[in-house]
Amino acid sequence: MQSATMQDIKRRGSNALSKDEPTYLVVNSRVDFVALPIGQYEMFVAIEEELADIKAALASEGEETVPLAQVLKEVGDVKQD
């Protein structure tokens, strides 16, 4: 993986960052941030959302379910109010 200092970014702008892989941003001799190509960032966000959905589904296991017809009736009743 590539790394860049803030000085590199100041000198070279976005050319200091990799377009294909994460770039570690080094501040005061320490890696403080990671810059990701947008495609990788969007992939990580999608995975995180999917994991949250899976976690919610697992947490609701064993709970009582409501038939779809009942939900649709209740939603219809709310819309008419």
PDB file of N, CA and C in Angstrom:
ATOM      1  N   MET A   1       0.831  -1.181   0.000  1.00  0.00           N
ATOM      2  CA  MET A   1       0.000   0.000   0.000  1.00  0.00           C
ATOM      3  C   MET A   1       0.872   1.240   0.000  1.00  0.00           C
ATOM      4  N   GLN A   2       0.351   2.246  -0.589  1.00  0.00           N
ATOM      5  CA  GLN A   2       1.069   3.509  -0.734  1.00  0.00           C
ATOM      6  C   GLN A   2       0.865   4.368   0.509  1.00  0.00           C
ATOM      7  N   SER A   3       1.850   5.197   0.800  1.00  0.00           N
ATOM      8  CA  SER A   3       1.694   6.175   1.872  1.00  0.00           C
ATOM      9  C   SER A   3       2.097   7.544   1.342  1.00  0.00           C
ATOM     10  N   ALA A   4       1.563   8.568   1.977  1.00  0.00           N
ATOM     11  CA  ALA A   4       1.876   9.943   1.588  1.00  0.00           C
ATOM     12  C   ALA A   4       1.845  10.807   2.840  1.00  0.00           C
ATOM     13  N   THR A   5       2.721  11.780   2.875  1.00  0.00           N
ATOM     14  CA  THR A   5       2.705  12.745   3.971  1.00  0.00           C
ATOM     15  C   THR A   5       1.847  13.928   3.548  1.00  0.00           C
ATOM     16  N   MET A   6       1.513  14.747   4.499  1.00  0.00           N
ATOM     17  CA  MET A   6       0.749  15.953   4.175  1.00  0.00           C
ATOM     18  C   MET A   6       1.582  16.857   3.267  1.00  0.00           C
ATOM     19  N   GLN A   7       2.892  16.833   3.451  1.00  0.00           N
ATOM     20  CA  GLN A   7       3.788  17.612   2.590  1.00  0.00           C
ATOM     21  C   GLN A   7       3.690  17.116   1.143  1.00  0.00           C
ATOM     22  N   ASP A   8       3.620  15.782   0.955  1.00  0.00           N
ATOM     23  CA  ASP A   8       3.457  15.220  -0.392  1.00  0.00           C
ATOM     24  C   ASP A   8       2.175  15.738  -1.040  1.00  0.00           C
ATOM     25  N   ILE A   9       1.112  15.747  -0.268  1.00  0.00           N
ATOM     26  CA  ILE A   9      -0.176  16.201  -0.803  1.00  0.00           C
ATOM     27  C   ILE A   9      -0.121  17.687  -1.118  1.00  0.00           C
ATOM     28  N   LYS A  10       0.545  18.448  -0.272  1.00  0.00           N
ATOM     29  CA  LYS A  10       0.679  19.888  -0.519  1.00  0.00           C
ATOM     30  C   LYS A  10       1.442  20.139  -1.819  1.00  0.00           C
ATOM     31  N   ARG A  11       2.499  19.358  -2.049  1.00  0.00           N
ATOM     32  CA  ARG A  11       3.323  19.533  -3.250  1.00  0.00           C
ATOM     33  C   ARG A  11       2.650  18.986  -4.506  1.00  0.00           C
ATOM     34  N   ARG A  12       2.101  17.764  -4.401  1.00  0.00           N
ATOM     35  CA  ARG A  12       1.626  17.063  -5.595  1.00  0.00           C
ATOM     36  C   ARG A  12       0.107  17.010  -5.725  1.00  0.00           C
ATOM     37  N   GLY A  13      -0.606  17.490  -4.721  1.00  0.00           N
ATOM     38  CA  GLY A  13      -2.065  17.450  -4.755  1.00  0.00           C
ATOM     39  C   GLY A  13      -2.575  16.018  -4.804  1.00  0.00           C
ATOM     40  N   SER A  14      -3.651  15.802  -5.550  1.00  0.00           N
ATOM     41  CA  SER A  14      -4.249  14.466  -5.610  1.00  0.00           C
ATOM     42  C   SER A  14      -3.347  13.451  -6.297  1.00  0.00           C
ATOM     43  N   ASN A  15      -2.320  13.910  -7.004  1.00  0.00           N
ATOM     44  CA  ASN A  15      -1.366  12.974  -7.620  1.00  0.00           C
ATOM     45  C   ASN A  15      -0.559  12.204  -6.575  1.00  0.00           C
ATOM     46  N   ALA A  16      -0.567  12.675  -5.340  1.00  0.00           N
ATOM     47  CA  ALA A  16       0.135  11.969  -4.268  1.00  0.00           C
ATOM     48  C   ALA A  16      -0.654  10.746  -3.797  1.00  0.00           C
ATOM     49  N   LEU A  17      -1.922  10.658  -4.214  1.00  0.00           N
ATOM     50  CA  LEU A  17      -2.790   9.563  -3.793  1.00  0.00           C
ATOM     51  C   LEU A  17      -2.933   8.533  -4.900  1.00  0.00           C
ATOM     52  N   SER A  18      -3.020   7.268  -4.506  1.00  0.00           N
ATOM     53  CA  SER A  18      -3.218   6.190  -5.474  1.00  0.00           C
ATOM     54  C   SER A  18      -4.663   6.194  -5.958  1.00  0.00           C
ATOM     55  N   LYS A  19      -4.849   5.952  -7.236  1.00  0.00           N
ATOM     56  CA  LYS A  19      -6.198   5.860  -7.800  1.00  0.00           C
ATOM     57  C   LYS A  19      -6.737   4.434  -7.693  1.00  0.00           C
ATOM     58  N   ASP A  20      -5.870   3.474  -7.352  1.00  0.00           N
ATOM     59  CA  ASP A  20      -6.236   2.059  -7.379  1.00  0.00           C
ATOM     60  C   ASP A  20      -6.295   1.384  -6.016  1.00  0.00           C
ATOM     61  N   GLU A  21      -5.637   1.954  -5.028  1.00  0.00           N
ATOM     62  CA  GLU A  21      -5.578   1.304  -3.719  1.00  0.00           C
ATOM     63  C   GLU A  21      -5.557   2.360  -2.623  1.00  0.00           C
ATOM     64  N   PRO A  22      -5.839   1.950  -1.380  1.00  0.00           N
ATOM     65  CA  PRO A  22      -5.798   2.908  -0.277  1.00  0.00           C
ATOM     66  C   PRO A  22      -4.411   3.542  -0.130  1.00  0.00           C
ATOM     67  N   THR A  23      -4.397   4.788   0.299  1.00  0.00           N
ATOM     68  CA  THR A  23      -3.152   5.496   0.590  1.00  0.00           C
ATOM     69  C   THR A  23      -3.165   5.891   2.061  1.00  0.00           C
ATOM     70  N   TYR A  24      -2.141   5.462   2.796  1.00  0.00           N
ATOM     71  CA  TYR A  24      -2.009   5.859   4.192  1.00  0.00           C
ATOM     72  C   TYR A  24      -1.508   7.293   4.241  1.00  0.00           C
ATOM     73  N   LEU A  25      -2.170   8.130   5.037  1.00  0.00           N
ATOM     74  CA  LEU A  25      -1.743   9.517   5.195  1.00  0.00           C
ATOM     75  C   LEU A  25      -0.967   9.634   6.505  1.00  0.00           C
ATOM     76  N   VAL A  26       0.282  10.038   6.385  1.00  0.00           N
ATOM     77  CA  VAL A  26       1.198  10.099   7.520  1.00  0.00           C
ATOM     78  C   VAL A  26       1.264  11.536   8.028  1.00  0.00           C
ATOM     79  N   VAL A  27       0.968  11.705   9.313  1.00  0.00           N
ATOM     80  CA  VAL A  27       1.030  13.012   9.964  1.00  0.00           C
ATOM     81  C   VAL A  27       1.917  12.857  11.197  1.00  0.00           C
ATOM     82  N   ASN A  28       2.952  13.696  11.291  1.00  0.00           N
ATOM     83  CA  ASN A  28       3.897  13.634  12.417  1.00  0.00           C
ATOM     84  C   ASN A  28       4.459  12.220  12.598  1.00  0.00           C
ATOM     85  N   SER A  29       4.882  11.628  11.499  1.00  0.00           N
ATOM     86  CA  SER A  29       5.503  10.293  11.482  1.00  0.00           C
ATOM     87  C   SER A  29       4.568   9.177  11.938  1.00  0.00           C
ATOM     88  N   ARG A  30       3.269   9.435  11.890  1.00  0.00           N
ATOM     89  CA  ARG A  30       2.293   8.436  12.319  1.00  0.00           C
ATOM     90  C   ARG A  30       1.165   8.354  11.298  1.00  0.00           C
ATOM     91  N   VAL A  31       0.736   7.147  10.982  1.00  0.00           N
ATOM     92  CA  VAL A  31      -0.398   6.985  10.070  1.00  0.00           C
ATOM     93  C   VAL A  31      -1.661   7.382  10.824  1.00  0.00           C
ATOM     94  N   ASP A  32      -2.315   8.454  10.357  1.00  0.00           N
ATOM     95  CA  ASP A  32      -3.518   8.959  11.019  1.00  0.00           C
ATOM     96  C   ASP A  32      -4.785   8.752  10.199  1.00  0.00           C
ATOM     97  N   PHE A  33      -4.648   8.669   8.875  1.00  0.00           N
ATOM     98  CA  PHE A  33      -5.815   8.582   8.007  1.00  0.00           C
ATOM     99  C   PHE A  33      -5.528   7.634   6.854  1.00  0.00           C
ATOM    100  N   VAL A  34      -6.595   7.233   6.185  1.00  0.00           N
ATOM    101  CA  VAL A  34      -6.474   6.450   4.957  1.00  0.00           C
ATOM    102  C   VAL A  34      -7.369   7.096   3.914  1.00  0.00           C
ATOM    103  N   ALA A  35      -6.825   7.352   2.739  1.00  0.00           N
ATOM    104  CA  ALA A  35      -7.607   7.869   1.612  1.00  0.00           C
ATOM    105  C   ALA A  35      -7.910   6.692   0.693  1.00  0.00           C
ATOM    106  N   LEU A  36      -9.195   6.529   0.371  1.00  0.00           N
ATOM    107  CA  LEU A  36      -9.625   5.414  -0.477  1.00  0.00           C
ATOM    108  C   LEU A  36     -10.127   5.914  -1.817  1.00  0.00           C
ATOM    109  N   PRO A  37      -9.898   5.141  -2.884  1.00  0.00           N
ATOM    110  CA  PRO A  37     -10.568   5.437  -4.143  1.00  0.00           C
ATOM    111  C   PRO A  37     -12.084   5.324  -3.907  1.00  0.00           C
ATOM    112  N   ILE A  38     -12.873   6.149  -4.569  1.00  0.00           N
ATOM    113  CA  ILE A  38     -14.312   6.223  -4.301  1.00  0.00           C
ATOM    114  C   ILE A  38     -15.001   4.873  -4.467  1.00  0.00           C
ATOM    115  N   GLY A  39     -14.578   4.083  -5.432  1.00  0.00           N
ATOM    116  CA  GLY A  39     -15.194   2.772  -5.645  1.00  0.00           C
ATOM    117  C   GLY A  39     -15.026   1.856  -4.444  1.00  0.00           C
ATOM    118  N   GLN A  40     -13.846   1.871  -3.842  1.00  0.00           N
ATOM    119  CA  GLN A  40     -13.607   1.052  -2.652  1.00  0.00           C
ATOM    120  C   GLN A  40     -14.413   1.572  -1.469  1.00  0.00           C
ATOM    121  N   TYR A  41     -14.478   2.894  -1.330  1.00  0.00           N
ATOM    122  CA  TYR A  41     -15.261   3.479  -0.241  1.00  0.00           C
ATOM    123  C   TYR A  41     -16.726   3.070  -0.363  1.00  0.00           C
ATOM    124  N   GLU A  42     -17.294   3.196  -1.569  1.00  0.00           N
ATOM    125  CA  GLU A  42     -18.695   2.832  -1.783  1.00  0.00           C
ATOM    126  C   GLU A  42     -18.926   1.349  -1.508  1.00  0.00           C
ATOM    127  N   MET A  43     -17.960   0.505  -1.865  1.00  0.00           N
ATOM    128  CA  MET A  43     -18.077  -0.922  -1.589  1.00  0.00           C
ATOM    129  C   MET A  43     -18.112  -1.168  -0.078  1.00  0.00           C
ATOM    130  N   PHE A  44     -17.234  -0.502   0.672  1.00  0.00           N
ATOM    131  CA  PHE A  44     -17.213  -0.668   2.122  1.00  0.00           C
ATOM    132  C   PHE A  44     -18.519  -0.187   2.759  1.00  0.00           C
ATOM    133  N   VAL A  45     -19.069   0.918   2.270  1.00  0.00           N
ATOM    134  CA  VAL A  45     -20.341   1.418   2.792  1.00  0.00           C
ATOM    135  C   VAL A  45     -21.454   0.403   2.530  1.00  0.00           C
ATOM    136  N   ALA A  46     -21.501  -0.158   1.323  1.00  0.00           N
ATOM    137  CA  ALA A  46     -22.522  -1.153   0.986  1.00  0.00           C
ATOM    138  C   ALA A  46     -22.386  -2.390   1.873  1.00  0.00           C
ATOM    139  N   ILE A  47     -21.162  -2.839   2.109  1.00  0.00           N
ATOM    140  CA  ILE A  47     -20.937  -4.000   2.972  1.00  0.00           C
ATOM    141  C   ILE A  47     -21.380  -3.692   4.400  1.00  0.00           C
ATOM    142  N   GLU A  48     -21.054  -2.510   4.885  1.00  0.00           N
ATOM    143  CA  GLU A  48     -21.445  -2.124   6.239  1.00  0.00           C
ATOM    144  C   GLU A  48     -22.967  -2.098   6.380  1.00  0.00           C
ATOM    145  N   GLU A  49     -23.667  -1.569   5.370  1.00  0.00           N
ATOM    146  CA  GLU A  49     -25.129  -1.542   5.404  1.00  0.00           C
ATOM    147  C   GLU A  49     -25.699  -2.957   5.385  1.00  0.00           C
ATOM    148  N   GLU A  50     -25.121  -3.828   4.570  1.00  0.00           N
ATOM    149  CA  GLU A  50     -25.573  -5.218   4.499  1.00  0.00           C
ATOM    150  C   GLU A  50     -25.364  -5.921   5.840  1.00  0.00           C
ATOM    151  N   LEU A  51     -24.227  -5.693   6.469  1.00  0.00           N
ATOM    152  CA  LEU A  51     -23.963  -6.293   7.781  1.00  0.00           C
ATOM    153  C   LEU A  51     -24.938  -5.783   8.842  1.00  0.00           C
ATOM    154  N   ALA A  52     -25.300  -4.510   8.778  1.00  0.00           N
ATOM    155  CA  ALA A  52     -26.282  -3.964   9.721  1.00  0.00           C
ATOM    156  C   ALA A  52     -27.634  -4.641   9.523  1.00  0.00           C
ATOM    157  N   ASP A  53     -28.025  -4.883   8.268  1.00  0.00           N
ATOM    158  CA  ASP A  53     -29.284  -5.578   7.985  1.00  0.00           C
ATOM    159  C   ASP A  53     -29.246  -7.007   8.521  1.00  0.00           C
ATOM    160  N   ILE A  54     -28.126  -7.688   8.321  1.00  0.00           N
ATOM    161  CA  ILE A  54     -27.983  -9.063   8.810  1.00  0.00           C
ATOM    162  C   ILE A  54     -28.055  -9.082  10.334  1.00  0.00           C
ATOM    163  N   LYS A  55     -27.384  -8.134  10.975  1.00  0.00           N
ATOM    164  CA  LYS A  55     -27.401  -8.051  12.440  1.00  0.00           C
ATOM    165  C   LYS A  55     -28.825  -7.832  12.945  1.00  0.00           C
ATOM    166  N   ALA A  56     -29.579  -6.945  12.290  1.00  0.00           N
ATOM    167  CA  ALA A  56     -30.966  -6.689  12.692  1.00  0.00           C
ATOM    168  C   ALA A  56     -31.826  -7.934  12.496  1.00  0.00           C
ATOM    169  N   ALA A  57     -31.613  -8.641  11.393  1.00  0.00           N
ATOM    170  CA  ALA A  57     -32.380  -9.863  11.134  1.00  0.00           C
ATOM    171  C   ALA A  57     -32.076 -10.923  12.190  1.00  0.00           C
ATOM    172  N   LEU A  58     -30.811 -11.079  12.527  1.00  0.00           N
ATOM    173  CA  LEU A  58     -30.440 -12.064  13.548  1.00  0.00           C
ATOM    174  C   LEU A  58     -30.997 -11.683  14.921  1.00  0.00           C
ATOM    175  N   ALA A  59     -31.013 -10.397  15.224  1.00  0.00           N
ATOM    176  CA  ALA A  59     -31.527  -9.934  16.513  1.00  0.00           C
ATOM    177  C   ALA A  59     -33.026 -10.167  16.632  1.00  0.00           C
ATOM    178  N   SER A  60     -33.724 -10.189  15.511  1.00  0.00           N
ATOM    179  CA  SER A  60     -35.178 -10.357  15.550  1.00  0.00           C
ATOM    180  C   SER A  60     -35.611 -11.818  15.461  1.00  0.00           C
ATOM    181  N   GLU A  61     -34.660 -12.736  15.348  1.00  0.00           N
ATOM    182  CA  GLU A  61     -35.006 -14.157  15.296  1.00  0.00           C
ATOM    183  C   GLU A  61     -35.780 -14.545  16.542  1.00  0.00           C
ATOM    184  N   GLY A  62     -36.840 -15.317  16.332  1.00  0.00           N
ATOM    185  CA  GLY A  62     -37.647 -15.776  17.447  1.00  0.00           C
ATOM    186  C   GLY A  62     -38.756 -14.819  17.837  1.00  0.00           C
ATOM    187  N   GLU A  63     -38.751 -13.601  17.306  1.00  0.00           N
ATOM    188  CA  GLU A  63     -39.820 -12.659  17.608  1.00  0.00           C
ATOM    189  C   GLU A  63     -41.080 -13.056  16.848  1.00  0.00           C
ATOM    190  N   GLU A  64     -42.200 -12.642  17.382  1.00  0.00           N
ATOM    191  CA  GLU A  64     -43.478 -12.932  16.735  1.00  0.00           C
ATOM    192  C   GLU A  64     -43.564 -12.163  15.414  1.00  0.00           C
ATOM    193  N   THR A  65     -44.060 -12.834  14.395  1.00  0.00           N
ATOM    194  CA  THR A  65     -44.209 -12.191  13.089  1.00  0.00           C
ATOM    195  C   THR A  65     -45.652 -11.741  12.892  1.00  0.00           C
ATOM    196  N   VAL A  66     -45.834 -10.814  11.957  1.00  0.00           N
ATOM    197  CA  VAL A  66     -47.159 -10.294  11.629  1.00  0.00           C
ATOM    198  C   VAL A  66     -47.435 -10.631  10.172  1.00  0.00           C
ATOM    199  N   PRO A  67     -48.599 -11.218   9.880  1.00  0.00           N
ATOM    200  CA  PRO A  67     -48.914 -11.543   8.486  1.00  0.00           C
ATOM    201  C   PRO A  67     -48.953 -10.287   7.610  1.00  0.00           C
ATOM    202  N   LEU A  68     -48.522 -10.430   6.364  1.00  0.00           N
ATOM    203  CA  LEU A  68     -48.493  -9.301   5.435  1.00  0.00           C
ATOM    204  C   LEU A  68     -49.868  -8.675   5.275  1.00  0.00           C
ATOM    205  N   ALA A  69     -50.911  -9.475   5.195  1.00  0.00           N
ATOM    206  CA  ALA A  69     -52.271  -8.949   5.024  1.00  0.00           C
ATOM    207  C   ALA A  69     -52.635  -8.006   6.167  1.00  0.00           C
ATOM    208  N   GLN A  70     -52.232  -8.348   7.378  1.00  0.00           N
ATOM    209  CA  GLN A  70     -52.526  -7.491   8.528  1.00  0.00           C
ATOM    210  C   GLN A  70     -51.755  -6.177   8.432  1.00  0.00           C
ATOM    211  N   VAL A  71     -50.501  -6.246   8.044  1.00  0.00           N
ATOM    212  CA  VAL A  71     -49.690  -5.032   7.894  1.00  0.00           C
ATOM    213  C   VAL A  71     -50.306  -4.125   6.843  1.00  0.00           C
ATOM    214  N   LEU A  72     -50.681  -4.689   5.694  1.00  0.00           N
ATOM    215  CA  LEU A  72     -51.280  -3.888   4.621  1.00  0.00           C
ATOM    216  C   LEU A  72     -52.582  -3.259   5.075  1.00  0.00           C
ATOM    217  N   LYS A  73     -53.379  -3.982   5.844  1.00  0.00           N
ATOM    218  CA  LYS A  73     -54.633  -3.433   6.359  1.00  0.00           C
ATOM    219  C   LYS A  73     -54.343  -2.265   7.295  1.00  0.00           C
ATOM    220  N   GLU A  74     -53.370  -2.445   8.193  1.00  0.00           N
ATOM    221  CA  GLU A  74     -53.036  -1.383   9.145  1.00  0.00           C
ATOM    222  C   GLU A  74     -52.470  -0.161   8.434  1.00  0.00           C
ATOM    223  N   VAL A  75     -51.659  -0.371   7.424  1.00  0.00           N
ATOM    224  CA  VAL A  75     -51.104   0.749   6.655  1.00  0.00           C
ATOM    225  C   VAL A  75     -52.228   1.462   5.921  1.00  0.00           C
ATOM    226  N   GLY A  76     -53.150   0.704   5.373  1.00  0.00           N
ATOM    227  CA  GLY A  76     -54.305   1.296   4.690  1.00  0.00           C
ATOM    228  C   GLY A  76     -55.141   2.123   5.636  1.00  0.00           C
ATOM    229  N   ASP A  77     -55.331   1.634   6.870  1.00  0.00           N
ATOM    230  CA  ASP A  77     -56.095   2.373   7.872  1.00  0.00           C
ATOM    231  C   ASP A  77     -55.401   3.678   8.231  1.00  0.00           C
ATOM    232  N   VAL A  78     -54.088   3.678   8.311  1.00  0.00           N
ATOM    233  CA  VAL A  78     -53.330   4.889   8.640  1.00  0.00           C
ATOM    234  C   VAL A  78     -53.460   5.908   7.524  1.00  0.00           C
ATOM    235  N   LYS A  79     -53.375   5.453   6.261  1.00  0.00           N
ATOM    236  CA  LYS A  79     -53.462   6.371   5.124  1.00  0.00           C
ATOM    237  C   LYS A  79     -54.817   7.054   5.049  1.00  0.00           C
ATOM    238  N   GLN A  80     -55.868   6.388   5.505  1.00  0.00           N
ATOM    239  CA  GLN A  80     -57.211   6.951   5.414  1.00  0.00           C
ATOM    240  C   GLN A  80     -57.478   7.972   6.504  1.00  0.00           C
ATOM    241  N   ASP A  81     -56.698   7.968   7.578  1.00  0.00           N
ATOM    242  CA  ASP A  81     -56.917   8.904   8.695  1.00  0.00           C
ATOM    243  C   ASP A  81     -56.578  10.312   8.327  1.00  0.00           C
TER     244      ASP A  81
END
